[in-house]
Amino acid sequence: IGPSDVIKAAGNLQSHATSNVANVSQAAAL
């Protein structure tokens, strides 16, 4: 969790590194 510009930039990195976290795990976390 952080400022929007930092989170957007980190999200860009993740989009190339791993894409989304496994959806089933995200549903469990929800």
PDB file of all heavy atoms in Angstrom:
ATOM      1  N   ILE A   1       0.867  -1.182   0.000  1.00  0.00           N
ATOM      2  CA  ILE A   1       0.000   0.000   0.000  1.00  0.00           C
ATOM      3  C   ILE A   1       0.899   1.225   0.000  1.00  0.00           C
ATOM      4  O   ILE A   1       1.835   1.313   0.797  1.00  0.00           O
ATOM      5  CB  ILE A   1      -0.909   0.029   1.241  1.00  0.00           C
ATOM      6  CG1 ILE A   1      -1.864  -1.165   1.227  1.00  0.00           C
ATOM      7  CG2 ILE A   1      -1.674   1.335   1.335  1.00  0.00           C
ATOM      8  CD1 ILE A   1      -2.674  -1.304   2.503  1.00  0.00           C
ATOM      9  N   GLY A   2       0.643   2.165  -0.891  1.00  0.00           N
ATOM     10  CA  GLY A   2       1.487   3.349  -0.943  1.00  0.00           C
ATOM     11  C   GLY A   2       0.891   4.426  -1.824  1.00  0.00           C
ATOM     12  O   GLY A   2      -0.246   4.304  -2.302  1.00  0.00           O
ATOM     13  N   PRO A   3       1.657   5.484  -2.061  1.00  0.00           N
ATOM     14  CA  PRO A   3       1.195   6.540  -2.963  1.00  0.00           C
ATOM     15  C   PRO A   3       0.871   5.973  -4.345  1.00  0.00           C
ATOM     16  O   PRO A   3       1.517   5.017  -4.805  1.00  0.00           O
ATOM     17  CB  PRO A   3       2.386   7.503  -3.017  1.00  0.00           C
ATOM     18  CG  PRO A   3       3.171   7.212  -1.776  1.00  0.00           C
ATOM     19  CD  PRO A   3       2.999   5.753  -1.511  1.00  0.00           C
ATOM     20  N   SER A   4      -0.101   6.552  -5.001  1.00  0.00           N
ATOM     21  CA  SER A   4      -0.597   5.999  -6.260  1.00  0.00           C
ATOM     22  C   SER A   4       0.486   5.860  -7.318  1.00  0.00           C
ATOM     23  O   SER A   4       0.506   4.866  -8.063  1.00  0.00           O
ATOM     24  CB  SER A   4      -1.750   6.867  -6.788  1.00  0.00           C
ATOM     25  OG  SER A   4      -2.839   6.856  -5.888  1.00  0.00           O
ATOM     26  N   ASP A   5       1.409   6.844  -7.402  1.00  0.00           N
ATOM     27  CA  ASP A   5       2.424   6.752  -8.445  1.00  0.00           C
ATOM     28  C   ASP A   5       3.391   5.596  -8.187  1.00  0.00           C
ATOM     29  O   ASP A   5       3.813   4.900  -9.121  1.00  0.00           O
ATOM     30  CB  ASP A   5       3.194   8.075  -8.578  1.00  0.00           C
ATOM     31  CG  ASP A   5       3.834   8.538  -7.282  1.00  0.00           C
ATOM     32  OD1 ASP A   5       3.415   8.078  -6.186  1.00  0.00           O
ATOM     33  OD2 ASP A   5       4.758   9.389  -7.346  1.00  0.00           O
ATOM     34  N   VAL A   6       3.723   5.363  -6.928  1.00  0.00           N
ATOM     35  CA  VAL A   6       4.619   4.254  -6.585  1.00  0.00           C
ATOM     36  C   VAL A   6       3.935   2.919  -6.849  1.00  0.00           C
ATOM     37  O   VAL A   6       4.530   1.995  -7.429  1.00  0.00           O
ATOM     38  CB  VAL A   6       5.061   4.356  -5.104  1.00  0.00           C
ATOM     39  CG1 VAL A   6       5.827   3.112  -4.672  1.00  0.00           C
ATOM     40  CG2 VAL A   6       5.906   5.599  -4.907  1.00  0.00           C
ATOM     41  N   ILE A   7       2.686   2.793  -6.428  1.00  0.00           N
ATOM     42  CA  ILE A   7       1.960   1.540  -6.623  1.00  0.00           C
ATOM     43  C   ILE A   7       1.753   1.252  -8.106  1.00  0.00           C
ATOM     44  O   ILE A   7       1.857   0.105  -8.551  1.00  0.00           O
ATOM     45  CB  ILE A   7       0.615   1.591  -5.869  1.00  0.00           C
ATOM     46  CG1 ILE A   7       0.870   1.633  -4.360  1.00  0.00           C
ATOM     47  CG2 ILE A   7      -0.256   0.402  -6.232  1.00  0.00           C
ATOM     48  CD1 ILE A   7       1.703   0.489  -3.811  1.00  0.00           C
ATOM     49  N   LYS A   8       1.473   2.279  -8.900  1.00  0.00           N
ATOM     50  CA  LYS A   8       1.317   2.067 -10.346  1.00  0.00           C
ATOM     51  C   LYS A   8       2.619   1.584 -10.967  1.00  0.00           C
ATOM     52  O   LYS A   8       2.637   0.651 -11.780  1.00  0.00           O
ATOM     53  CB  LYS A   8       0.856   3.348 -11.028  1.00  0.00           C
ATOM     54  CG  LYS A   8       0.592   3.180 -12.529  1.00  0.00           C
ATOM     55  CD  LYS A   8       0.099   4.457 -13.165  1.00  0.00           C
ATOM     56  CE  LYS A   8      -0.319   4.226 -14.617  1.00  0.00           C
ATOM     57  NZ  LYS A   8       0.741   3.594 -15.441  1.00  0.00           N
ATOM     58  N   ALA A   9       3.742   2.197 -10.563  1.00  0.00           N
ATOM     59  CA  ALA A   9       5.038   1.786 -11.115  1.00  0.00           C
ATOM     60  C   ALA A   9       5.388   0.364 -10.698  1.00  0.00           C
ATOM     61  O   ALA A   9       5.865  -0.438 -11.515  1.00  0.00           O
ATOM     62  CB  ALA A   9       6.124   2.762 -10.658  1.00  0.00           C
ATOM     63  N   ALA A  10       5.153   0.033  -9.432  1.00  0.00           N
ATOM     64  CA  ALA A  10       5.410  -1.325  -8.968  1.00  0.00           C
ATOM     65  C   ALA A  10       4.496  -2.321  -9.676  1.00  0.00           C
ATOM     66  O   ALA A  10       4.900  -3.447  -9.989  1.00  0.00           O
ATOM     67  CB  ALA A  10       5.220  -1.408  -7.456  1.00  0.00           C
ATOM     68  N   GLY A  11       3.262  -1.909  -9.951  1.00  0.00           N
ATOM     69  CA  GLY A  11       2.342  -2.764 -10.686  1.00  0.00           C
ATOM     70  C   GLY A  11       2.809  -3.010 -12.112  1.00  0.00           C
ATOM     71  O   GLY A  11       2.620  -4.103 -12.661  1.00  0.00           O
ATOM     72  N   ASN A  12       3.418  -1.984 -12.730  1.00  0.00           N
ATOM     73  CA  ASN A  12       3.982  -2.187 -14.067  1.00  0.00           C
ATOM     74  C   ASN A  12       5.077  -3.246 -14.034  1.00  0.00           C
ATOM     75  O   ASN A  12       5.163  -4.096 -14.937  1.00  0.00           O
ATOM     76  CB  ASN A  12       4.550  -0.870 -14.595  1.00  0.00           C
ATOM     77  CG  ASN A  12       3.482   0.147 -14.933  1.00  0.00           C
ATOM     78  OD1 ASN A  12       2.306  -0.199 -15.075  1.00  0.00           O
ATOM     79  ND2 ASN A  12       3.865   1.411 -15.058  1.00  0.00           N
ATOM     80  N   LEU A  13       5.924  -3.196 -13.012  1.00  0.00           N
ATOM     81  CA  LEU A  13       6.974  -4.210 -12.857  1.00  0.00           C
ATOM     82  C   LEU A  13       6.344  -5.595 -12.713  1.00  0.00           C
ATOM     83  O   LEU A  13       6.762  -6.556 -13.378  1.00  0.00           O
ATOM     84  CB  LEU A  13       7.823  -3.877 -11.626  1.00  0.00           C
ATOM     85  CG  LEU A  13       8.791  -4.962 -11.138  1.00  0.00           C
ATOM     86  CD1 LEU A  13       9.794  -5.330 -12.219  1.00  0.00           C
ATOM     87  CD2 LEU A  13       9.500  -4.500  -9.863  1.00  0.00           C
ATOM     88  N   GLN A  14       5.337  -5.698 -11.869  1.00  0.00           N
ATOM     89  CA  GLN A  14       4.710  -6.996 -11.645  1.00  0.00           C
ATOM     90  C   GLN A  14       4.023  -7.518 -12.902  1.00  0.00           C
ATOM     91  O   GLN A  14       3.989  -8.729 -13.146  1.00  0.00           O
ATOM     92  CB  GLN A  14       3.703  -6.895 -10.508  1.00  0.00           C
ATOM     93  CG  GLN A  14       3.043  -8.220 -10.151  1.00  0.00           C
ATOM     94  CD  GLN A  14       2.356  -8.157  -8.799  1.00  0.00           C
ATOM     95  OE1 GLN A  14       2.992  -7.875  -7.794  1.00  0.00           O
ATOM     96  NE2 GLN A  14       1.053  -8.408  -8.779  1.00  0.00           N
ATOM     97  N   SER A  15       3.491  -6.623 -13.707  1.00  0.00           N
ATOM     98  CA  SER A  15       2.799  -7.055 -14.927  1.00  0.00           C
ATOM     99  C   SER A  15       3.746  -7.789 -15.873  1.00  0.00           C
ATOM    100  O   SER A  15       3.312  -8.660 -16.638  1.00  0.00           O
ATOM    101  CB  SER A  15       2.175  -5.853 -15.630  1.00  0.00           C
ATOM    102  OG  SER A  15       3.166  -5.029 -16.249  1.00  0.00           O
ATOM    103  N   HIS A  16       5.024  -7.458 -15.809  1.00  0.00           N
ATOM    104  CA  HIS A  16       6.005  -8.141 -16.654  1.00  0.00           C
ATOM    105  C   HIS A  16       6.661  -9.322 -15.936  1.00  0.00           C
ATOM    106  O   HIS A  16       7.122 -10.264 -16.585  1.00  0.00           O
ATOM    107  CB  HIS A  16       7.094  -7.159 -17.092  1.00  0.00           C
ATOM    108  CG  HIS A  16       6.599  -6.104 -18.025  1.00  0.00           C
ATOM    109  ND1 HIS A  16       6.247  -6.360 -19.338  1.00  0.00           N
ATOM    110  CD2 HIS A  16       6.378  -4.775 -17.837  1.00  0.00           C
ATOM    111  CE1 HIS A  16       5.839  -5.247 -19.918  1.00  0.00           C
ATOM    112  NE2 HIS A  16       5.906  -4.259 -19.031  1.00  0.00           N
ATOM    113  N   ALA A  17       6.702  -9.277 -14.606  1.00  0.00           N
ATOM    114  CA  ALA A  17       7.386 -10.328 -13.852  1.00  0.00           C
ATOM    115  C   ALA A  17       6.513 -11.558 -13.639  1.00  0.00           C
ATOM    116  O   ALA A  17       6.929 -12.684 -13.907  1.00  0.00           O
ATOM    117  CB  ALA A  17       7.852  -9.779 -12.499  1.00  0.00           C
ATOM    118  N   THR A  18       5.292 -11.351 -13.163  1.00  0.00           N
ATOM    119  CA  THR A  18       4.443 -12.496 -12.798  1.00  0.00           C
ATOM    120  C   THR A  18       2.999 -12.379 -13.245  1.00  0.00           C
ATOM    121  O   THR A  18       2.254 -13.346 -13.146  1.00  0.00           O
ATOM    122  CB  THR A  18       4.428 -12.689 -11.257  1.00  0.00           C
ATOM    123  OG1 THR A  18       3.886 -11.511 -10.648  1.00  0.00           O
ATOM    124  CG2 THR A  18       5.822 -12.954 -10.720  1.00  0.00           C
ATOM    125  N   SER A  19       2.562 -11.213 -13.692  1.00  0.00           N
ATOM    126  CA  SER A  19       1.140 -10.958 -13.938  1.00  0.00           C
ATOM    127  C   SER A  19       0.367 -11.112 -12.627  1.00  0.00           C
ATOM    128  O   SER A  19       0.896 -10.864 -11.560  1.00  0.00           O
ATOM    129  CB  SER A  19       0.592 -11.871 -15.042  1.00  0.00           C
ATOM    130  OG  SER A  19       1.266 -11.623 -16.261  1.00  0.00           O
ATOM    131  N   ASN A  20      -0.880 -11.576 -12.714  1.00  0.00           N
ATOM    132  CA  ASN A  20      -1.717 -11.599 -11.514  1.00  0.00           C
ATOM    133  C   ASN A  20      -1.329 -12.729 -10.563  1.00  0.00           C
ATOM    134  O   ASN A  20      -0.821 -13.778 -10.980  1.00  0.00           O
ATOM    135  CB  ASN A  20      -3.190 -11.736 -11.894  1.00  0.00           C
ATOM    136  CG  ASN A  20      -3.503 -13.035 -12.628  1.00  0.00           C
ATOM    137  OD1 ASN A  20      -3.290 -13.126 -13.845  1.00  0.00           O
ATOM    138  ND2 ASN A  20      -4.001 -14.040 -11.919  1.00  0.00           N
ATOM    139  N   VAL A  21      -1.590 -12.503  -9.291  1.00  0.00           N
ATOM    140  CA  VAL A  21      -1.498 -13.573  -8.295  1.00  0.00           C
ATOM    141  C   VAL A  21      -2.580 -14.607  -8.628  1.00  0.00           C
ATOM    142  O   VAL A  21      -3.649 -14.258  -9.142  1.00  0.00           O
ATOM    143  CB  VAL A  21      -1.718 -12.994  -6.880  1.00  0.00           C
ATOM    144  CG1 VAL A  21      -1.773 -14.100  -5.823  1.00  0.00           C
ATOM    145  CG2 VAL A  21      -0.627 -11.989  -6.557  1.00  0.00           C
ATOM    146  N   ALA A  22      -2.323 -15.878  -8.348  1.00  0.00           N
ATOM    147  CA  ALA A  22      -3.292 -16.935  -8.643  1.00  0.00           C
ATOM    148  C   ALA A  22      -4.675 -16.553  -8.119  1.00  0.00           C
ATOM    149  O   ALA A  22      -4.834 -16.197  -6.946  1.00  0.00           O
ATOM    150  CB  ALA A  22      -2.846 -18.248  -8.020  1.00  0.00           C
ATOM    151  N   ASN A  23      -5.665 -16.631  -8.997  1.00  0.00           N
ATOM    152  CA  ASN A  23      -7.002 -16.149  -8.653  1.00  0.00           C
ATOM    153  C   ASN A  23      -7.633 -16.910  -7.484  1.00  0.00           C
ATOM    154  O   ASN A  23      -8.347 -16.325  -6.671  1.00  0.00           O
ATOM    155  CB  ASN A  23      -7.915 -16.234  -9.877  1.00  0.00           C
ATOM    156  CG  ASN A  23      -7.517 -15.241 -10.952  1.00  0.00           C
ATOM    157  OD1 ASN A  23      -7.126 -14.117 -10.659  1.00  0.00           O
ATOM    158  ND2 ASN A  23      -7.603 -15.663 -12.209  1.00  0.00           N
ATOM    159  N   VAL A  24      -7.385 -18.205  -7.400  1.00  0.00           N
ATOM    160  CA  VAL A  24      -7.950 -18.986  -6.303  1.00  0.00           C
ATOM    161  C   VAL A  24      -7.374 -18.507  -4.970  1.00  0.00           C
ATOM    162  O   VAL A  24      -8.092 -18.388  -3.969  1.00  0.00           O
ATOM    163  CB  VAL A  24      -7.687 -20.489  -6.519  1.00  0.00           C
ATOM    164  CG1 VAL A  24      -8.041 -21.298  -5.272  1.00  0.00           C
ATOM    165  CG2 VAL A  24      -8.481 -20.997  -7.717  1.00  0.00           C
ATOM    166  N   SER A  25      -6.089 -18.212  -4.952  1.00  0.00           N
ATOM    167  CA  SER A  25      -5.476 -17.683  -3.733  1.00  0.00           C
ATOM    168  C   SER A  25      -6.040 -16.309  -3.398  1.00  0.00           C
ATOM    169  O   SER A  25      -6.238 -15.976  -2.222  1.00  0.00           O
ATOM    170  CB  SER A  25      -3.960 -17.597  -3.899  1.00  0.00           C
ATOM    171  OG  SER A  25      -3.369 -18.881  -3.916  1.00  0.00           O
ATOM    172  N   GLN A  26      -6.290 -15.506  -4.415  1.00  0.00           N
ATOM    173  CA  GLN A  26      -6.879 -14.190  -4.158  1.00  0.00           C
ATOM    174  C   GLN A  26      -8.290 -14.324  -3.582  1.00  0.00           C
ATOM    175  O   GLN A  26      -8.679 -13.555  -2.684  1.00  0.00           O
ATOM    176  CB  GLN A  26      -6.913 -13.362  -5.436  1.00  0.00           C
ATOM    177  CG  GLN A  26      -5.545 -12.900  -5.916  1.00  0.00           C
ATOM    178  CD  GLN A  26      -5.672 -11.798  -6.963  1.00  0.00           C
ATOM    179  OE1 GLN A  26      -5.990 -10.652  -6.651  1.00  0.00           O
ATOM    180  NE2 GLN A  26      -5.408 -12.136  -8.209  1.00  0.00           N
ATOM    181  N   ALA A  27      -9.051 -15.293  -4.062  1.00  0.00           N
ATOM    182  CA  ALA A  27     -10.395 -15.514  -3.525  1.00  0.00           C
ATOM    183  C   ALA A  27     -10.319 -15.945  -2.065  1.00  0.00           C
ATOM    184  O   ALA A  27     -11.141 -15.534  -1.230  1.00  0.00           O
ATOM    185  CB  ALA A  27     -11.126 -16.565  -4.358  1.00  0.00           C
ATOM    186  N   ALA A  28      -9.333 -16.769  -1.743  1.00  0.00           N
ATOM    187  CA  ALA A  28      -9.135 -17.187  -0.354  1.00  0.00           C
ATOM    188  C   ALA A  28      -8.755 -15.987   0.514  1.00  0.00           C
ATOM    189  O   ALA A  28      -9.261 -15.812   1.631  1.00  0.00           O
ATOM    190  CB  ALA A  28      -8.055 -18.260  -0.281  1.00  0.00           C
ATOM    191  N   ALA A  29      -7.870 -15.141  -0.009  1.00  0.00           N
ATOM    192  CA  ALA A  29      -7.459 -13.946   0.737  1.00  0.00           C
ATOM    193  C   ALA A  29      -8.626 -12.995   0.936  1.00  0.00           C
ATOM    194  O   ALA A  29      -8.740 -12.343   1.990  1.00  0.00           O
ATOM    195  CB  ALA A  29      -6.319 -13.239   0.003  1.00  0.00           C
ATOM    196  N   LEU A  30      -9.503 -12.905  -0.054  1.00  0.00           N
ATOM    197  CA  LEU A  30     -10.687 -12.051   0.073  1.00  0.00           C
ATOM    198  C   LEU A  30     -11.553 -12.516   1.246  1.00  0.00           C
ATOM    199  O   LEU A  30     -12.017 -11.708   2.062  1.00  0.00           O
ATOM    200  CB  LEU A  30     -11.482 -12.080  -1.230  1.00  0.00           C
ATOM    201  CG  LEU A  30     -12.820 -11.342  -1.229  1.00  0.00           C
ATOM    202  CD1 LEU A  30     -12.637  -9.864  -0.929  1.00  0.00           C
ATOM    203  CD2 LEU A  30     -13.525 -11.532  -2.582  1.00  0.00           C
TER     204      LEU A  30
END
